[in-house]
Amino acid sequence: MFDEIVTKVQFSEKEAATIIQQILQAVSYCHNLGIVHRDLKPENVLIDKELNNTLKIIDFGTSVQFDKQKEVLKTTHGTSYYIAPEVLQKKYDERCDVWSIGVILYILLSGKPPFDGDNDDEITEQVRIGKYNLEGGVWTVVSADAKNLINKMLTYKYSERVTARKALEDPWFTNASSTLVDKEIMQEAMANLSRFSATQKLQ
């Protein structure tokens, strides 16, 4: 997914909304079946150009079927940038996937991860703290609706976090503007995303 995006000259919130909406639709479908993916990240989201750029989620190797009414999951799975804090604490439910999608949305709009570090230990420590920034730089031109959705998806206490199904009802998906943001700031975000994508390849 990121490989395709970084080849674009311009990228709008509307395009980001289309991507996140498709991911949420797939994940909501899985959750309704009692399946949690547990390792959602851009590398596991493919773009099928033969099907009008439809997104497809892959790699269910760490997924598990669970009883939403009774079961609390306890096994740690995931990738440092995208893992939810409650997974690190080994007590979580399907909303760990929503956190991961929130991280993907944050990166789509800024080009940078909300929780960063020089290695996995530093990154996961930032995740444990759960503090992220939506001020200054690129965020000055991101809509309030987009920021509100990020806040809902990156709510630290998972029992209070929005579900995938509920997130699909968010007004951002209908209000997201197709107007491109300030050109200089947009180019900064795209450059950030390109560097982040290249770093992941090196790792």
N, C-alpha and C. Protein backbone atom coordinates (compact mmCIF):
# COMPACT_ATOMS: atom_id res chain seq x y z
N MET A 1 0.82 -1.20 0.00
CA MET A 1 0.00 0.00 0.00
C MET A 1 0.86 1.26 0.00
N PHE A 2 1.84 1.34 0.94
CA PHE A 2 2.69 2.51 1.00
C PHE A 2 3.50 2.68 -0.29
N ASP A 3 3.94 1.56 -0.87
CA ASP A 3 4.71 1.64 -2.11
C ASP A 3 3.93 2.38 -3.18
N GLU A 4 2.64 2.10 -3.25
CA GLU A 4 1.79 2.75 -4.26
C GLU A 4 1.60 4.22 -3.95
N ILE A 5 1.41 4.54 -2.67
CA ILE A 5 1.13 5.92 -2.28
C ILE A 5 2.34 6.83 -2.53
N VAL A 6 3.54 6.34 -2.21
CA VAL A 6 4.72 7.21 -2.32
C VAL A 6 5.10 7.51 -3.76
N THR A 7 4.50 6.80 -4.72
CA THR A 7 4.75 7.11 -6.12
C THR A 7 3.87 8.26 -6.61
N LYS A 8 2.87 8.64 -5.79
CA LYS A 8 1.96 9.71 -6.17
C LYS A 8 2.61 11.07 -5.93
N VAL A 9 2.25 12.03 -6.76
CA VAL A 9 2.76 13.39 -6.59
C VAL A 9 1.91 14.12 -5.55
N GLN A 10 0.61 13.79 -5.52
CA GLN A 10 -0.31 14.45 -4.61
C GLN A 10 -1.17 13.41 -3.89
N PHE A 11 -1.59 13.77 -2.69
CA PHE A 11 -2.38 12.85 -1.87
C PHE A 11 -3.32 13.67 -1.01
N SER A 12 -4.60 13.33 -1.04
CA SER A 12 -5.60 14.12 -0.31
C SER A 12 -6.19 13.33 0.85
N GLU A 13 -6.88 14.06 1.73
CA GLU A 13 -7.58 13.40 2.83
C GLU A 13 -8.65 12.45 2.30
N LYS A 14 -9.27 12.84 1.21
CA LYS A 14 -10.33 12.00 0.62
C LYS A 14 -9.75 10.64 0.21
N GLU A 15 -8.55 10.64 -0.34
CA GLU A 15 -7.90 9.38 -0.73
C GLU A 15 -7.56 8.56 0.51
N ALA A 16 -7.09 9.24 1.56
CA ALA A 16 -6.79 8.55 2.82
C ALA A 16 -8.06 7.94 3.40
N ALA A 17 -9.17 8.68 3.31
CA ALA A 17 -10.44 8.20 3.84
C ALA A 17 -10.90 6.95 3.09
N THR A 18 -10.71 6.93 1.78
CA THR A 18 -11.09 5.77 0.97
C THR A 18 -10.30 4.53 1.39
N ILE A 19 -9.01 4.72 1.66
CA ILE A 19 -8.15 3.61 2.08
C ILE A 19 -8.58 3.08 3.44
N ILE A 20 -8.72 3.98 4.41
CA ILE A 20 -9.06 3.56 5.78
C ILE A 20 -10.46 2.95 5.83
N GLN A 21 -11.38 3.49 5.04
CA GLN A 21 -12.74 2.93 5.00
C GLN A 21 -12.72 1.48 4.53
N GLN A 22 -11.94 1.18 3.49
CA GLN A 22 -11.86 -0.19 2.98
C GLN A 22 -11.24 -1.13 4.01
N ILE A 23 -10.20 -0.66 4.69
CA ILE A 23 -9.56 -1.49 5.72
C ILE A 23 -10.54 -1.78 6.85
N LEU A 24 -11.26 -0.75 7.28
CA LEU A 24 -12.23 -0.92 8.36
C LEU A 24 -13.37 -1.85 7.95
N GLN A 25 -13.80 -1.77 6.70
CA GLN A 25 -14.86 -2.66 6.23
C GLN A 25 -14.42 -4.12 6.32
N ALA A 26 -13.19 -4.39 5.88
CA ALA A 26 -12.67 -5.76 5.93
C ALA A 26 -12.52 -6.24 7.37
N VAL A 27 -11.99 -5.37 8.22
CA VAL A 27 -11.75 -5.75 9.62
C VAL A 27 -13.06 -5.90 10.37
N SER A 28 -14.02 -5.04 10.10
CA SER A 28 -15.34 -5.16 10.73
C SER A 28 -15.98 -6.50 10.35
N TYR A 29 -15.83 -6.89 9.11
CA TYR A 29 -16.35 -8.18 8.65
C TYR A 29 -15.70 -9.33 9.44
N CYS A 30 -14.37 -9.25 9.60
CA CYS A 30 -13.65 -10.28 10.37
C CYS A 30 -14.13 -10.31 11.82
N HIS A 31 -14.26 -9.14 12.41
CA HIS A 31 -14.67 -9.07 13.81
C HIS A 31 -16.07 -9.64 14.00
N ASN A 32 -16.94 -9.40 13.04
CA ASN A 32 -18.29 -9.96 13.12
C ASN A 32 -18.27 -11.49 13.11
N LEU A 33 -17.23 -12.04 12.48
CA LEU A 33 -17.07 -13.50 12.45
C LEU A 33 -16.29 -14.01 13.65
N GLY A 34 -15.90 -13.08 14.55
CA GLY A 34 -15.13 -13.48 15.72
C GLY A 34 -13.66 -13.73 15.41
N ILE A 35 -13.13 -13.02 14.42
CA ILE A 35 -11.72 -13.19 14.04
C ILE A 35 -10.99 -11.87 14.25
N VAL A 36 -9.90 -11.91 14.98
CA VAL A 36 -9.04 -10.73 15.15
C VAL A 36 -7.74 -10.98 14.42
N HIS A 37 -7.28 -10.00 13.64
CA HIS A 37 -6.10 -10.18 12.78
C HIS A 37 -4.81 -10.19 13.60
N ARG A 38 -4.63 -9.16 14.44
CA ARG A 38 -3.51 -9.02 15.38
C ARG A 38 -2.19 -8.58 14.77
N ASP A 39 -2.13 -8.37 13.47
CA ASP A 39 -0.88 -7.85 12.90
C ASP A 39 -1.18 -6.97 11.68
N LEU A 40 -2.09 -6.04 11.86
CA LEU A 40 -2.42 -5.12 10.77
C LEU A 40 -1.32 -4.08 10.61
N LYS A 41 -0.82 -3.95 9.39
CA LYS A 41 0.22 -2.99 9.06
C LYS A 41 0.20 -2.82 7.54
N PRO A 42 0.81 -1.77 7.02
CA PRO A 42 0.77 -1.51 5.58
C PRO A 42 1.27 -2.67 4.73
N GLU A 43 2.26 -3.40 5.23
CA GLU A 43 2.79 -4.54 4.47
C GLU A 43 1.75 -5.63 4.27
N ASN A 44 0.73 -5.63 5.11
CA ASN A 44 -0.33 -6.64 5.01
C ASN A 44 -1.59 -6.10 4.35
N VAL A 45 -1.45 -4.95 3.69
CA VAL A 45 -2.55 -4.38 2.91
C VAL A 45 -2.07 -4.23 1.47
N LEU A 46 -2.70 -4.97 0.57
CA LEU A 46 -2.32 -4.95 -0.84
C LEU A 46 -3.36 -4.18 -1.66
N ILE A 47 -2.92 -3.62 -2.78
CA ILE A 47 -3.82 -2.93 -3.70
C ILE A 47 -3.96 -3.78 -4.95
N ASP A 48 -5.19 -4.19 -5.24
CA ASP A 48 -5.46 -4.99 -6.43
C ASP A 48 -5.85 -4.06 -7.57
N LYS A 49 -4.90 -3.78 -8.45
CA LYS A 49 -5.15 -2.84 -9.54
C LYS A 49 -6.13 -3.39 -10.57
N GLU A 50 -6.24 -4.70 -10.64
CA GLU A 50 -7.17 -5.30 -11.60
C GLU A 50 -8.61 -5.22 -11.11
N LEU A 51 -8.79 -4.86 -9.85
CA LEU A 51 -10.14 -4.70 -9.28
C LEU A 51 -10.33 -3.27 -8.79
N ASN A 52 -10.04 -2.31 -9.68
CA ASN A 52 -10.25 -0.89 -9.38
C ASN A 52 -9.56 -0.45 -8.09
N ASN A 53 -8.33 -0.92 -7.90
CA ASN A 53 -7.53 -0.54 -6.72
C ASN A 53 -8.19 -0.93 -5.40
N THR A 54 -8.89 -2.04 -5.42
CA THR A 54 -9.50 -2.58 -4.19
C THR A 54 -8.40 -3.02 -3.23
N LEU A 55 -8.57 -2.71 -1.96
CA LEU A 55 -7.59 -3.13 -0.96
C LEU A 55 -7.91 -4.54 -0.46
N LYS A 56 -6.88 -5.30 -0.19
CA LYS A 56 -7.05 -6.64 0.35
C LYS A 56 -6.11 -6.83 1.54
N ILE A 57 -6.65 -7.36 2.62
CA ILE A 57 -5.85 -7.64 3.81
C ILE A 57 -5.34 -9.07 3.71
N ILE A 58 -4.05 -9.24 3.98
CA ILE A 58 -3.42 -10.56 3.88
C ILE A 58 -2.73 -10.93 5.20
N ASP A 59 -2.13 -12.10 5.20
CA ASP A 59 -1.31 -12.61 6.30
C ASP A 59 -2.10 -12.74 7.61
N PHE A 60 -2.92 -13.77 7.64
CA PHE A 60 -3.70 -14.07 8.84
C PHE A 60 -2.99 -15.10 9.72
N GLY A 61 -1.67 -15.16 9.60
CA GLY A 61 -0.89 -16.14 10.34
C GLY A 61 -0.95 -15.98 11.85
N THR A 62 -1.17 -14.75 12.31
CA THR A 62 -1.27 -14.51 13.76
C THR A 62 -2.71 -14.27 14.20
N SER A 63 -3.65 -14.42 13.28
CA SER A 63 -5.05 -14.19 13.62
C SER A 63 -5.57 -15.32 14.51
N VAL A 64 -6.68 -15.03 15.19
CA VAL A 64 -7.26 -16.03 16.07
C VAL A 64 -8.77 -15.83 16.10
N GLN A 65 -9.50 -16.93 16.27
CA GLN A 65 -10.94 -16.84 16.43
C GLN A 65 -11.25 -16.78 17.92
N PHE A 66 -12.20 -15.95 18.29
CA PHE A 66 -12.47 -15.75 19.71
C PHE A 66 -13.95 -15.51 19.94
N ASP A 67 -14.35 -15.65 21.19
CA ASP A 67 -15.72 -15.40 21.60
C ASP A 67 -15.80 -13.98 22.16
N LYS A 68 -16.43 -13.09 21.43
CA LYS A 68 -16.47 -11.68 21.83
C LYS A 68 -17.15 -11.47 23.18
N GLN A 69 -18.07 -12.37 23.53
CA GLN A 69 -18.83 -12.20 24.76
C GLN A 69 -18.06 -12.66 26.00
N LYS A 70 -17.13 -13.59 25.81
CA LYS A 70 -16.52 -14.23 26.97
C LYS A 70 -15.00 -14.08 27.06
N GLU A 71 -14.34 -13.99 25.92
CA GLU A 71 -12.90 -14.20 25.90
C GLU A 71 -12.10 -12.90 25.92
N VAL A 72 -11.04 -12.90 26.74
CA VAL A 72 -10.03 -11.84 26.71
C VAL A 72 -8.74 -12.49 26.21
N LEU A 73 -8.18 -11.92 25.16
CA LEU A 73 -6.97 -12.50 24.56
C LEU A 73 -5.74 -12.12 25.37
N LYS A 74 -4.76 -13.03 25.40
CA LYS A 74 -3.61 -12.83 26.29
C LYS A 74 -2.25 -13.05 25.63
N THR A 75 -2.24 -13.52 24.38
CA THR A 75 -0.96 -13.79 23.72
C THR A 75 -0.49 -12.57 22.96
N THR A 76 0.78 -12.20 23.12
CA THR A 76 1.32 -11.03 22.46
C THR A 76 1.71 -11.33 21.01
N HIS A 77 1.08 -10.61 20.08
CA HIS A 77 1.41 -10.69 18.67
C HIS A 77 1.36 -9.29 18.09
N GLY A 78 2.15 -9.05 17.03
CA GLY A 78 2.07 -7.75 16.36
C GLY A 78 3.43 -7.20 16.01
N THR A 79 3.42 -6.01 15.44
CA THR A 79 4.63 -5.31 15.01
C THR A 79 4.73 -4.02 15.78
N SER A 80 5.93 -3.69 16.25
CA SER A 80 6.12 -2.62 17.23
C SER A 80 5.40 -1.32 16.92
N TYR A 81 5.50 -0.80 15.71
CA TYR A 81 4.87 0.47 15.38
C TYR A 81 3.35 0.43 15.54
N TYR A 82 2.77 -0.71 15.29
CA TYR A 82 1.31 -0.82 15.16
C TYR A 82 0.63 -1.56 16.31
N ILE A 83 1.41 -2.14 17.21
CA ILE A 83 0.84 -2.95 18.28
C ILE A 83 0.14 -2.06 19.30
N ALA A 84 -0.98 -2.53 19.81
CA ALA A 84 -1.75 -1.76 20.80
C ALA A 84 -1.16 -1.97 22.20
N PRO A 85 -1.27 -0.96 23.07
CA PRO A 85 -0.68 -1.08 24.43
C PRO A 85 -1.24 -2.24 25.23
N GLU A 86 -2.54 -2.54 25.05
CA GLU A 86 -3.13 -3.63 25.83
C GLU A 86 -2.62 -4.99 25.39
N VAL A 87 -2.14 -5.09 24.15
CA VAL A 87 -1.54 -6.35 23.69
C VAL A 87 -0.22 -6.58 24.44
N LEU A 88 0.52 -5.50 24.65
CA LEU A 88 1.77 -5.60 25.42
C LEU A 88 1.48 -6.00 26.85
N GLN A 89 0.29 -5.62 27.34
CA GLN A 89 -0.11 -5.96 28.70
C GLN A 89 -0.80 -7.33 28.77
N LYS A 90 -0.96 -7.96 27.59
CA LYS A 90 -1.51 -9.32 27.47
C LYS A 90 -2.94 -9.44 28.00
N LYS A 91 -3.72 -8.40 27.73
CA LYS A 91 -5.15 -8.43 28.07
C LYS A 91 -5.87 -7.52 27.08
N TYR A 92 -6.52 -8.11 26.08
CA TYR A 92 -7.08 -7.30 25.01
C TYR A 92 -8.22 -8.02 24.29
N ASP A 93 -8.89 -7.29 23.39
CA ASP A 93 -9.92 -7.89 22.56
C ASP A 93 -9.71 -7.45 21.11
N GLU A 94 -10.75 -7.57 20.27
CA GLU A 94 -10.59 -7.30 18.84
C GLU A 94 -10.25 -5.85 18.53
N ARG A 95 -10.47 -4.95 19.48
CA ARG A 95 -10.20 -3.54 19.23
C ARG A 95 -8.71 -3.21 19.14
N CYS A 96 -7.85 -4.21 19.39
CA CYS A 96 -6.42 -4.01 19.12
C CYS A 96 -6.21 -3.75 17.63
N ASP A 97 -7.05 -4.32 16.77
CA ASP A 97 -6.97 -4.08 15.33
C ASP A 97 -7.31 -2.64 14.99
N VAL A 98 -8.26 -2.07 15.72
CA VAL A 98 -8.66 -0.68 15.48
C VAL A 98 -7.51 0.26 15.80
N TRP A 99 -6.79 -0.03 16.87
CA TRP A 99 -5.60 0.76 17.22
C TRP A 99 -4.61 0.74 16.06
N SER A 100 -4.35 -0.43 15.51
CA SER A 100 -3.40 -0.57 14.41
C SER A 100 -3.83 0.25 13.19
N ILE A 101 -5.13 0.25 12.92
CA ILE A 101 -5.64 1.03 11.79
C ILE A 101 -5.50 2.53 12.08
N GLY A 102 -5.69 2.91 13.34
CA GLY A 102 -5.47 4.30 13.74
C GLY A 102 -4.04 4.74 13.50
N VAL A 103 -3.09 3.85 13.77
CA VAL A 103 -1.68 4.15 13.51
C VAL A 103 -1.45 4.31 12.01
N ILE A 104 -2.06 3.44 11.21
CA ILE A 104 -1.92 3.54 9.75
C ILE A 104 -2.49 4.87 9.26
N LEU A 105 -3.64 5.27 9.80
CA LEU A 105 -4.23 6.56 9.41
C LEU A 105 -3.31 7.71 9.78
N TYR A 106 -2.76 7.66 10.97
CA TYR A 106 -1.83 8.71 11.42
C TYR A 106 -0.66 8.83 10.44
N ILE A 107 -0.11 7.69 10.04
CA ILE A 107 1.03 7.70 9.12
C ILE A 107 0.62 8.19 7.73
N LEU A 108 -0.57 7.80 7.28
CA LEU A 108 -1.05 8.25 5.97
C LEU A 108 -1.13 9.77 5.89
N LEU A 109 -1.55 10.39 6.98
CA LEU A 109 -1.77 11.84 6.97
C LEU A 109 -0.51 12.64 7.29
N SER A 110 0.46 12.04 7.97
CA SER A 110 1.65 12.80 8.37
C SER A 110 2.95 12.25 7.79
N GLY A 111 2.92 10.97 7.40
CA GLY A 111 4.15 10.35 6.90
C GLY A 111 5.04 9.80 8.00
N LYS A 112 4.61 10.01 9.26
CA LYS A 112 5.41 9.56 10.39
C LYS A 112 4.55 8.71 11.33
N PRO A 113 5.17 7.76 12.05
CA PRO A 113 4.41 6.97 13.03
C PRO A 113 4.15 7.77 14.30
N PRO A 114 3.04 7.53 14.98
CA PRO A 114 2.76 8.25 16.22
C PRO A 114 3.67 7.85 17.37
N PHE A 115 4.21 6.63 17.29
CA PHE A 115 5.10 6.12 18.34
C PHE A 115 6.38 5.67 17.65
N ASP A 116 7.49 6.29 18.00
CA ASP A 116 8.72 6.05 17.25
C ASP A 116 9.89 5.82 18.20
N GLY A 117 10.99 5.34 17.64
CA GLY A 117 12.20 5.08 18.40
C GLY A 117 13.26 4.47 17.50
N ASP A 118 14.44 4.28 18.04
CA ASP A 118 15.55 3.74 17.25
C ASP A 118 15.51 2.22 17.16
N ASN A 119 14.73 1.58 18.01
CA ASN A 119 14.62 0.12 17.97
C ASN A 119 13.27 -0.30 18.53
N ASP A 120 12.99 -1.60 18.47
CA ASP A 120 11.69 -2.11 18.91
C ASP A 120 11.41 -1.79 20.37
N ASP A 121 12.43 -1.88 21.22
CA ASP A 121 12.22 -1.61 22.65
C ASP A 121 11.78 -0.17 22.88
N GLU A 122 12.44 0.76 22.18
CA GLU A 122 12.09 2.17 22.33
C GLU A 122 10.70 2.46 21.79
N ILE A 123 10.36 1.83 20.66
CA ILE A 123 9.04 2.03 20.07
C ILE A 123 7.95 1.50 20.99
N THR A 124 8.12 0.28 21.47
CA THR A 124 7.09 -0.32 22.33
C THR A 124 6.97 0.43 23.65
N GLU A 125 8.05 1.03 24.12
CA GLU A 125 7.97 1.84 25.34
C GLU A 125 7.09 3.06 25.09
N GLN A 126 7.21 3.68 23.90
CA GLN A 126 6.35 4.81 23.55
C GLN A 126 4.89 4.37 23.43
N VAL A 127 4.69 3.16 22.90
CA VAL A 127 3.32 2.61 22.80
C VAL A 127 2.74 2.42 24.20
N ARG A 128 3.54 1.90 25.11
CA ARG A 128 3.08 1.69 26.49
C ARG A 128 2.62 3.00 27.12
N ILE A 129 3.34 4.08 26.82
CA ILE A 129 2.98 5.40 27.34
C ILE A 129 1.71 5.91 26.65
N GLY A 130 1.66 5.70 25.33
CA GLY A 130 0.44 6.01 24.57
C GLY A 130 0.22 7.46 24.23
N LYS A 131 1.26 8.31 24.34
CA LYS A 131 1.12 9.73 24.03
C LYS A 131 1.55 9.99 22.58
N TYR A 132 0.74 10.74 21.85
CA TYR A 132 1.07 11.07 20.46
C TYR A 132 0.70 12.52 20.20
N ASN A 133 1.21 13.08 19.11
CA ASN A 133 1.07 14.50 18.83
C ASN A 133 0.22 14.75 17.60
N LEU A 134 -0.72 15.66 17.72
CA LEU A 134 -1.53 16.09 16.58
C LEU A 134 -1.45 17.61 16.40
N GLU A 135 -0.31 18.17 16.79
CA GLU A 135 -0.12 19.62 16.75
C GLU A 135 1.05 19.98 15.84
N GLY A 136 0.94 21.15 15.20
CA GLY A 136 2.04 21.70 14.41
C GLY A 136 2.33 20.94 13.13
N GLY A 137 3.22 21.51 12.32
CA GLY A 137 3.66 20.86 11.09
C GLY A 137 2.51 20.47 10.19
N VAL A 138 2.54 19.24 9.73
CA VAL A 138 1.50 18.71 8.84
C VAL A 138 0.12 18.82 9.46
N TRP A 139 0.04 18.65 10.78
CA TRP A 139 -1.27 18.61 11.45
C TRP A 139 -2.00 19.94 11.41
N THR A 140 -1.33 21.02 11.07
CA THR A 140 -2.01 22.32 11.00
C THR A 140 -3.01 22.36 9.84
N VAL A 141 -2.84 21.48 8.85
CA VAL A 141 -3.76 21.50 7.70
C VAL A 141 -4.64 20.25 7.64
N VAL A 142 -4.52 19.37 8.62
CA VAL A 142 -5.38 18.19 8.67
C VAL A 142 -6.70 18.57 9.34
N SER A 143 -7.80 18.06 8.81
CA SER A 143 -9.13 18.45 9.31
C SER A 143 -9.36 17.98 10.74
N ALA A 144 -10.25 18.69 11.42
CA ALA A 144 -10.63 18.32 12.79
C ALA A 144 -11.29 16.95 12.81
N ASP A 145 -12.07 16.65 11.77
CA ASP A 145 -12.73 15.34 11.69
C ASP A 145 -11.71 14.21 11.67
N ALA A 146 -10.66 14.37 10.89
CA ALA A 146 -9.61 13.34 10.80
C ALA A 146 -8.93 13.15 12.15
N LYS A 147 -8.61 14.26 12.80
CA LYS A 147 -7.96 14.18 14.11
C LYS A 147 -8.88 13.52 15.14
N ASN A 148 -10.16 13.84 15.08
CA ASN A 148 -11.11 13.24 16.01
C ASN A 148 -11.17 11.73 15.84
N LEU A 149 -11.14 11.27 14.58
CA LEU A 149 -11.18 9.83 14.34
C LEU A 149 -9.91 9.17 14.85
N ILE A 150 -8.77 9.80 14.64
CA ILE A 150 -7.51 9.26 15.16
C ILE A 150 -7.61 9.12 16.68
N ASN A 151 -8.12 10.15 17.34
CA ASN A 151 -8.26 10.09 18.80
C ASN A 151 -9.17 8.94 19.24
N LYS A 152 -10.24 8.69 18.49
CA LYS A 152 -11.15 7.59 18.83
C LYS A 152 -10.46 6.23 18.65
N MET A 153 -9.65 6.13 17.61
CA MET A 153 -9.00 4.84 17.30
C MET A 153 -7.78 4.59 18.17
N LEU A 154 -7.15 5.68 18.63
CA LEU A 154 -5.98 5.54 19.49
C LEU A 154 -6.33 5.85 20.95
N THR A 155 -7.57 5.62 21.32
CA THR A 155 -7.97 5.73 22.73
C THR A 155 -7.23 4.65 23.52
N TYR A 156 -6.53 5.08 24.56
CA TYR A 156 -5.62 4.17 25.27
C TYR A 156 -6.37 3.01 25.92
N LYS A 157 -7.47 3.28 26.58
CA LYS A 157 -8.24 2.23 27.25
C LYS A 157 -9.10 1.53 26.21
N TYR A 158 -8.79 0.28 25.92
CA TYR A 158 -9.44 -0.37 24.78
C TYR A 158 -10.94 -0.56 24.96
N SER A 159 -11.40 -0.66 26.21
CA SER A 159 -12.83 -0.82 26.43
C SER A 159 -13.61 0.43 26.04
N GLU A 160 -12.91 1.56 25.94
CA GLU A 160 -13.55 2.83 25.55
C GLU A 160 -13.24 3.19 24.09
N ARG A 161 -12.44 2.38 23.42
CA ARG A 161 -12.04 2.64 22.03
C ARG A 161 -13.21 2.34 21.08
N VAL A 162 -13.30 3.09 20.02
CA VAL A 162 -14.33 2.85 19.02
C VAL A 162 -14.13 1.47 18.37
N THR A 163 -15.22 0.82 18.03
CA THR A 163 -15.13 -0.46 17.31
C THR A 163 -14.96 -0.18 15.83
N ALA A 164 -14.55 -1.20 15.07
CA ALA A 164 -14.40 -1.04 13.63
C ALA A 164 -15.73 -0.66 12.99
N ARG A 165 -16.80 -1.32 13.41
CA ARG A 165 -18.13 -1.03 12.84
C ARG A 165 -18.55 0.40 13.13
N LYS A 166 -18.33 0.85 14.36
CA LYS A 166 -18.71 2.21 14.74
C LYS A 166 -17.84 3.24 14.04
N ALA A 167 -16.57 2.92 13.86
CA ALA A 167 -15.66 3.85 13.19
C ALA A 167 -16.10 4.13 11.76
N LEU A 168 -16.72 3.13 11.13
CA LEU A 168 -17.19 3.31 9.75
C LEU A 168 -18.31 4.35 9.66
N GLU A 169 -18.95 4.66 10.77
CA GLU A 169 -20.02 5.66 10.79
C GLU A 169 -19.49 7.07 11.03
N ASP A 170 -18.17 7.20 11.18
CA ASP A 170 -17.58 8.50 11.52
C ASP A 170 -17.82 9.52 10.40
N PRO A 171 -18.13 10.77 10.76
CA PRO A 171 -18.41 11.80 9.74
C PRO A 171 -17.23 12.10 8.82
N TRP A 172 -16.01 11.76 9.23
CA TRP A 172 -14.86 12.05 8.38
C TRP A 172 -14.99 11.41 7.00
N PHE A 173 -15.61 10.22 6.95
CA PHE A 173 -15.68 9.50 5.67
C PHE A 173 -16.60 10.20 4.67
N THR A 174 -17.53 10.99 5.15
CA THR A 174 -18.38 11.74 4.23
C THR A 174 -17.92 13.18 4.08
N ASN A 175 -17.18 13.69 5.07
CA ASN A 175 -16.75 15.09 5.03
C ASN A 175 -15.33 15.29 4.52
N ALA A 176 -14.57 14.20 4.39
CA ALA A 176 -13.17 14.33 3.98
C ALA A 176 -13.06 15.09 2.67
N SER A 177 -12.27 16.12 2.69
CA SER A 177 -12.16 16.99 1.51
C SER A 177 -11.22 16.39 0.48
N SER A 178 -11.57 16.58 -0.78
CA SER A 178 -10.68 16.16 -1.88
C SER A 178 -9.70 17.27 -2.20
N THR A 179 -9.85 18.41 -1.53
CA THR A 179 -8.94 19.52 -1.76
C THR A 179 -7.57 19.17 -1.20
N LEU A 180 -6.56 19.38 -1.99
CA LEU A 180 -5.20 19.06 -1.55
C LEU A 180 -4.73 20.11 -0.55
N VAL A 181 -3.96 19.67 0.42
CA VAL A 181 -3.48 20.58 1.45
C VAL A 181 -2.36 21.45 0.89
N ASP A 182 -1.90 22.39 1.70
CA ASP A 182 -0.79 23.26 1.32
C ASP A 182 0.32 22.44 0.65
N LYS A 183 0.74 22.86 -0.55
CA LYS A 183 1.65 22.06 -1.37
C LYS A 183 2.95 21.74 -0.64
N GLU A 184 3.52 22.72 0.02
CA GLU A 184 4.80 22.52 0.70
C GLU A 184 4.66 21.52 1.85
N ILE A 185 3.60 21.68 2.62
CA ILE A 185 3.37 20.76 3.75
C ILE A 185 3.05 19.37 3.24
N MET A 186 2.26 19.30 2.16
CA MET A 186 1.92 18.01 1.58
C MET A 186 3.17 17.27 1.11
N GLN A 187 4.08 18.00 0.47
CA GLN A 187 5.32 17.40 -0.01
C GLN A 187 6.17 16.91 1.16
N GLU A 188 6.13 17.64 2.27
CA GLU A 188 6.84 17.21 3.48
C GLU A 188 6.29 15.88 3.99
N ALA A 189 4.95 15.78 4.02
CA ALA A 189 4.31 14.55 4.48
C ALA A 189 4.65 13.38 3.57
N MET A 190 4.62 13.61 2.25
CA MET A 190 4.93 12.55 1.30
C MET A 190 6.40 12.13 1.41
N ALA A 191 7.29 13.08 1.65
CA ALA A 191 8.71 12.77 1.83
C ALA A 191 8.90 11.95 3.11
N ASN A 192 8.18 12.33 4.17
CA ASN A 192 8.23 11.56 5.42
C ASN A 192 7.80 10.12 5.18
N LEU A 193 6.70 9.96 4.45
CA LEU A 193 6.16 8.63 4.18
C LEU A 193 7.13 7.80 3.36
N SER A 194 7.77 8.43 2.38
CA SER A 194 8.74 7.73 1.55
C SER A 194 9.92 7.25 2.37
N ARG A 195 10.41 8.11 3.28
CA ARG A 195 11.54 7.72 4.15
C ARG A 195 11.13 6.60 5.09
N PHE A 196 9.93 6.72 5.66
CA PHE A 196 9.45 5.70 6.58
C PHE A 196 9.32 4.35 5.88
N SER A 197 8.77 4.37 4.68
CA SER A 197 8.61 3.14 3.90
C SER A 197 9.95 2.52 3.58
N ALA A 198 10.93 3.35 3.21
CA ALA A 198 12.27 2.85 2.88
C ALA A 198 12.94 2.26 4.11
N THR A 199 12.75 2.88 5.27
CA THR A 199 13.33 2.37 6.51
C THR A 199 12.77 0.99 6.84
N GLN A 200 11.47 0.80 6.63
CA GLN A 200 10.84 -0.49 6.89
C GLN A 200 11.44 -1.57 6.01
N LYS A 201 11.73 -1.22 4.76
CA LYS A 201 12.34 -2.19 3.84
C LYS A 201 13.73 -2.61 4.33
N LEU A 202 14.48 -1.62 4.81
CA LEU A 202 15.83 -1.91 5.32
C LEU A 202 15.76 -2.83 6.53
N GLN A 203 14.79 -2.58 7.40
CA GLN A 203 14.65 -3.44 8.58
C GLN A 203 14.35 -4.87 8.16
